[in-house]
Amino acid sequence: MKKNILFLFLIISPIVLGQVPISQAEKLATTCKFWGYLKYYHPTVASGKIDWDQQLFEALPKIEKAKTKGEFSLLLEKWVDALGIVPVNKSKTADTNVEYFTKNLDLSLTKKNGMEVPF
């Protein structure tokens, strides 16, 4: 019985929570954070291919009309999808053949009377 109630709660809660009204202040604060993050971290926007400031001004009237958190979330989701797919970041492997120049490396300044000086 407890499993059924939990299952029912997990199914219904996203539907109900999506219908929660959202205030103008919440929408504005979230939009600003969202816009700022994408401005510097989305590859399409950060490359300068899109006038991101103009995109904000075009999106604000639509965002203002959103009444619930679900509608607002859907608008932001569509906004990101319109930017295109973000390519997968492939990590670079360290080159093991690199020889580092350590000839002039002198750490004697960090020692005083034979003991290391903590920083």
C-alpha atoms as a PDB file:
ATOM      1  CA  MET A   1       0.000   0.000   0.000  1.00  0.00           C
ATOM      2  CA  LYS A   2       2.839   2.403   0.875  1.00  0.00           C
ATOM      3  CA  LYS A   3       4.514   1.662  -2.449  1.00  0.00           C
ATOM      4  CA  ASN A   4       1.310   2.485  -4.323  1.00  0.00           C
ATOM      5  CA  ILE A   5       0.924   5.801  -2.508  1.00  0.00           C
ATOM      6  CA  LEU A   6       4.571   6.685  -3.145  1.00  0.00           C
ATOM      7  CA  PHE A   7       4.236   5.747  -6.817  1.00  0.00           C
ATOM      8  CA  LEU A   8       1.077   7.829  -7.153  1.00  0.00           C
ATOM      9  CA  PHE A   9       2.774  10.771  -5.440  1.00  0.00           C
ATOM     10  CA  LEU A  10       5.779  10.559  -7.790  1.00  0.00           C
ATOM     11  CA  ILE A  11       3.482  10.518 -10.817  1.00  0.00           C
ATOM     12  CA  ILE A  12       1.204  13.372  -9.713  1.00  0.00           C
ATOM     13  CA  SER A  13       3.733  15.720  -8.079  1.00  0.00           C
ATOM     14  CA  PRO A  14       5.394  16.950 -11.306  1.00  0.00           C
ATOM     15  CA  ILE A  15       1.993  17.655 -12.791  1.00  0.00           C
ATOM     16  CA  VAL A  16       0.834  19.568  -9.725  1.00  0.00           C
ATOM     17  CA  LEU A  17       4.122  21.393  -9.167  1.00  0.00           C
ATOM     18  CA  GLY A  18       4.156  22.543 -12.781  1.00  0.00           C
ATOM     19  CA  GLN A  19       0.869  24.365 -12.162  1.00  0.00           C
ATOM     20  CA  VAL A  20       2.237  26.455  -9.288  1.00  0.00           C
ATOM     21  CA  PRO A  21       2.023  30.185 -10.049  1.00  0.00           C
ATOM     22  CA  ILE A  22       5.290  32.046 -10.398  1.00  0.00           C
ATOM     23  CA  SER A  23       5.877  35.670  -9.444  1.00  0.00           C
ATOM     24  CA  GLN A  24       7.386  38.304 -11.709  1.00  0.00           C
ATOM     25  CA  ALA A  25      10.382  38.618  -9.390  1.00  0.00           C
ATOM     26  CA  GLU A  26      11.086  34.880  -9.561  1.00  0.00           C
ATOM     27  CA  LYS A  27      10.813  34.901 -13.339  1.00  0.00           C
ATOM     28  CA  LEU A  28      13.101  37.902 -13.667  1.00  0.00           C
ATOM     29  CA  ALA A  29      15.723  36.538 -11.269  1.00  0.00           C
ATOM     30  CA  THR A  30      15.767  33.123 -12.920  1.00  0.00           C
ATOM     31  CA  THR A  31      15.866  34.624 -16.411  1.00  0.00           C
ATOM     32  CA  CYS A  32      18.844  36.805 -15.471  1.00  0.00           C
ATOM     33  CA  LYS A  33      20.781  33.859 -14.039  1.00  0.00           C
ATOM     34  CA  PHE A  34      19.880  31.685 -17.007  1.00  0.00           C
ATOM     35  CA  TRP A  35      20.793  34.345 -19.566  1.00  0.00           C
ATOM     36  CA  GLY A  36      24.101  35.159 -17.841  1.00  0.00           C
ATOM     37  CA  TYR A  37      25.144  31.545 -17.542  1.00  0.00           C
ATOM     38  CA  LEU A  38      24.447  30.807 -21.199  1.00  0.00           C
ATOM     39  CA  LYS A  39      26.177  34.024 -22.300  1.00  0.00           C
ATOM     40  CA  TYR A  40      29.508  32.780 -21.017  1.00  0.00           C
ATOM     41  CA  TYR A  41      29.226  28.987 -21.104  1.00  0.00           C
ATOM     42  CA  HIS A  42      27.162  27.951 -24.147  1.00  0.00           C
ATOM     43  CA  PRO A  43      29.560  27.540 -27.090  1.00  0.00           C
ATOM     44  CA  THR A  44      27.213  29.067 -29.678  1.00  0.00           C
ATOM     45  CA  VAL A  45      26.527  32.162 -27.599  1.00  0.00           C
ATOM     46  CA  ALA A  46      30.073  32.568 -26.264  1.00  0.00           C
ATOM     47  CA  SER A  47      31.495  32.449 -29.795  1.00  0.00           C
ATOM     48  CA  GLY A  48      29.545  35.610 -30.681  1.00  0.00           C
ATOM     49  CA  LYS A  49      27.496  34.039 -33.487  1.00  0.00           C
ATOM     50  CA  ILE A  50      24.287  35.235 -31.831  1.00  0.00           C
ATOM     51  CA  ASP A  51      23.390  38.704 -30.544  1.00  0.00           C
ATOM     52  CA  TRP A  52      22.548  37.431 -27.070  1.00  0.00           C
ATOM     53  CA  ASP A  53      21.377  40.803 -25.770  1.00  0.00           C
ATOM     54  CA  GLN A  54      18.818  41.013 -28.566  1.00  0.00           C
ATOM     55  CA  GLN A  55      17.699  37.447 -27.786  1.00  0.00           C
ATOM     56  CA  LEU A  56      16.965  38.534 -24.214  1.00  0.00           C
ATOM     57  CA  PHE A  57      14.803  41.436 -25.340  1.00  0.00           C
ATOM     58  CA  GLU A  58      12.884  39.165 -27.714  1.00  0.00           C
ATOM     59  CA  ALA A  59      12.302  36.564 -24.986  1.00  0.00           C
ATOM     60  CA  LEU A  60      11.170  38.939 -22.216  1.00  0.00           C
ATOM     61  CA  PRO A  61       7.602  39.495 -23.508  1.00  0.00           C
ATOM     62  CA  LYS A  62       7.074  35.736 -23.799  1.00  0.00           C
ATOM     63  CA  ILE A  63       8.475  35.193 -20.320  1.00  0.00           C
ATOM     64  CA  GLU A  64       6.246  37.909 -18.905  1.00  0.00           C
ATOM     65  CA  LYS A  65       3.162  36.093 -20.227  1.00  0.00           C
ATOM     66  CA  ALA A  66       4.071  32.799 -18.495  1.00  0.00           C
ATOM     67  CA  LYS A  67       1.714  32.219 -15.560  1.00  0.00           C
ATOM     68  CA  THR A  68       3.008  28.955 -14.049  1.00  0.00           C
ATOM     69  CA  LYS A  69       6.386  27.438 -13.334  1.00  0.00           C
ATOM     70  CA  GLY A  70       5.682  24.772 -15.942  1.00  0.00           C
ATOM     71  CA  GLU A  71       5.083  27.337 -18.701  1.00  0.00           C
ATOM     72  CA  PHE A  72       8.153  29.308 -17.650  1.00  0.00           C
ATOM     73  CA  SER A  73      10.319  26.192 -17.595  1.00  0.00           C
ATOM     74  CA  LEU A  74       9.096  25.201 -21.041  1.00  0.00           C
ATOM     75  CA  LEU A  75      10.000  28.643 -22.432  1.00  0.00           C
ATOM     76  CA  LEU A  76      13.538  28.391 -21.067  1.00  0.00           C
ATOM     77  CA  GLU A  77      13.878  24.870 -22.398  1.00  0.00           C
ATOM     78  CA  LYS A  78      12.823  25.945 -25.899  1.00  0.00           C
ATOM     79  CA  TRP A  79      15.219  28.875 -25.718  1.00  0.00           C
ATOM     80  CA  VAL A  80      18.161  26.558 -25.043  1.00  0.00           C
ATOM     81  CA  ASP A  81      17.055  24.054 -27.684  1.00  0.00           C
ATOM     82  CA  ALA A  82      17.010  26.836 -30.280  1.00  0.00           C
ATOM     83  CA  LEU A  83      20.733  27.426 -29.692  1.00  0.00           C
ATOM     84  CA  GLY A  84      21.679  24.017 -31.044  1.00  0.00           C
ATOM     85  CA  ILE A  85      23.389  20.956 -29.706  1.00  0.00           C
ATOM     86  CA  VAL A  86      26.415  21.367 -27.464  1.00  0.00           C
ATOM     87  CA  PRO A  87      29.228  19.093 -28.670  1.00  0.00           C
ATOM     88  CA  VAL A  88      30.609  16.550 -26.233  1.00  0.00           C
ATOM     89  CA  ASN A  89      33.774  17.749 -24.579  1.00  0.00           C
ATOM     90  CA  LYS A  90      36.563  15.279 -25.244  1.00  0.00           C
ATOM     91  CA  SER A  91      39.239  15.401 -22.584  1.00  0.00           C
ATOM     92  CA  LYS A  92      42.786  15.675 -23.797  1.00  0.00           C
ATOM     93  CA  THR A  93      45.197  12.982 -22.704  1.00  0.00           C
ATOM     94  CA  ALA A  94      48.467  14.108 -21.224  1.00  0.00           C
ATOM     95  CA  ASP A  95      51.423  13.746 -23.544  1.00  0.00           C
ATOM     96  CA  THR A  96      53.895  11.442 -21.843  1.00  0.00           C
ATOM     97  CA  ASN A  97      56.724  12.382 -24.230  1.00  0.00           C
ATOM     98  CA  VAL A  98      56.987  15.958 -22.991  1.00  0.00           C
ATOM     99  CA  GLU A  99      60.219  16.790 -21.239  1.00  0.00           C
ATOM    100  CA  TYR A 100      59.861  19.593 -18.741  1.00  0.00           C
ATOM    101  CA  PHE A 101      62.661  22.082 -18.211  1.00  0.00           C
ATOM    102  CA  THR A 102      63.723  21.791 -14.591  1.00  0.00           C
ATOM    103  CA  LYS A 103      67.383  22.778 -14.852  1.00  0.00           C
ATOM    104  CA  ASN A 104      66.989  26.141 -13.127  1.00  0.00           C
ATOM    105  CA  LEU A 105      64.482  24.937 -10.580  1.00  0.00           C
ATOM    106  CA  ASP A 106      65.881  26.001  -7.218  1.00  0.00           C
ATOM    107  CA  LEU A 107      63.680  25.596  -4.159  1.00  0.00           C
ATOM    108  CA  SER A 108      66.367  26.435  -1.619  1.00  0.00           C
ATOM    109  CA  LEU A 109      64.540  29.683  -0.847  1.00  0.00           C
ATOM    110  CA  THR A 110      61.789  27.669   0.824  1.00  0.00           C
ATOM    111  CA  LYS A 111      64.226  26.107   3.279  1.00  0.00           C
ATOM    112  CA  LYS A 112      65.617  27.839   6.320  1.00  0.00           C
ATOM    113  CA  ASN A 113      68.340  26.175   8.364  1.00  0.00           C
ATOM    114  CA  GLY A 114      67.690  22.828   6.694  1.00  0.00           C
ATOM    115  CA  MET A 115      63.940  22.862   7.462  1.00  0.00           C
ATOM    116  CA  GLU A 116      61.127  23.672   5.033  1.00  0.00           C
ATOM    117  CA  VAL A 117      59.263  26.897   5.674  1.00  0.00           C
ATOM    118  CA  PRO A 118      55.484  26.386   5.596  1.00  0.00           C
ATOM    119  CA  PHE A 119      53.526  28.825   3.462  1.00  0.00           C
END
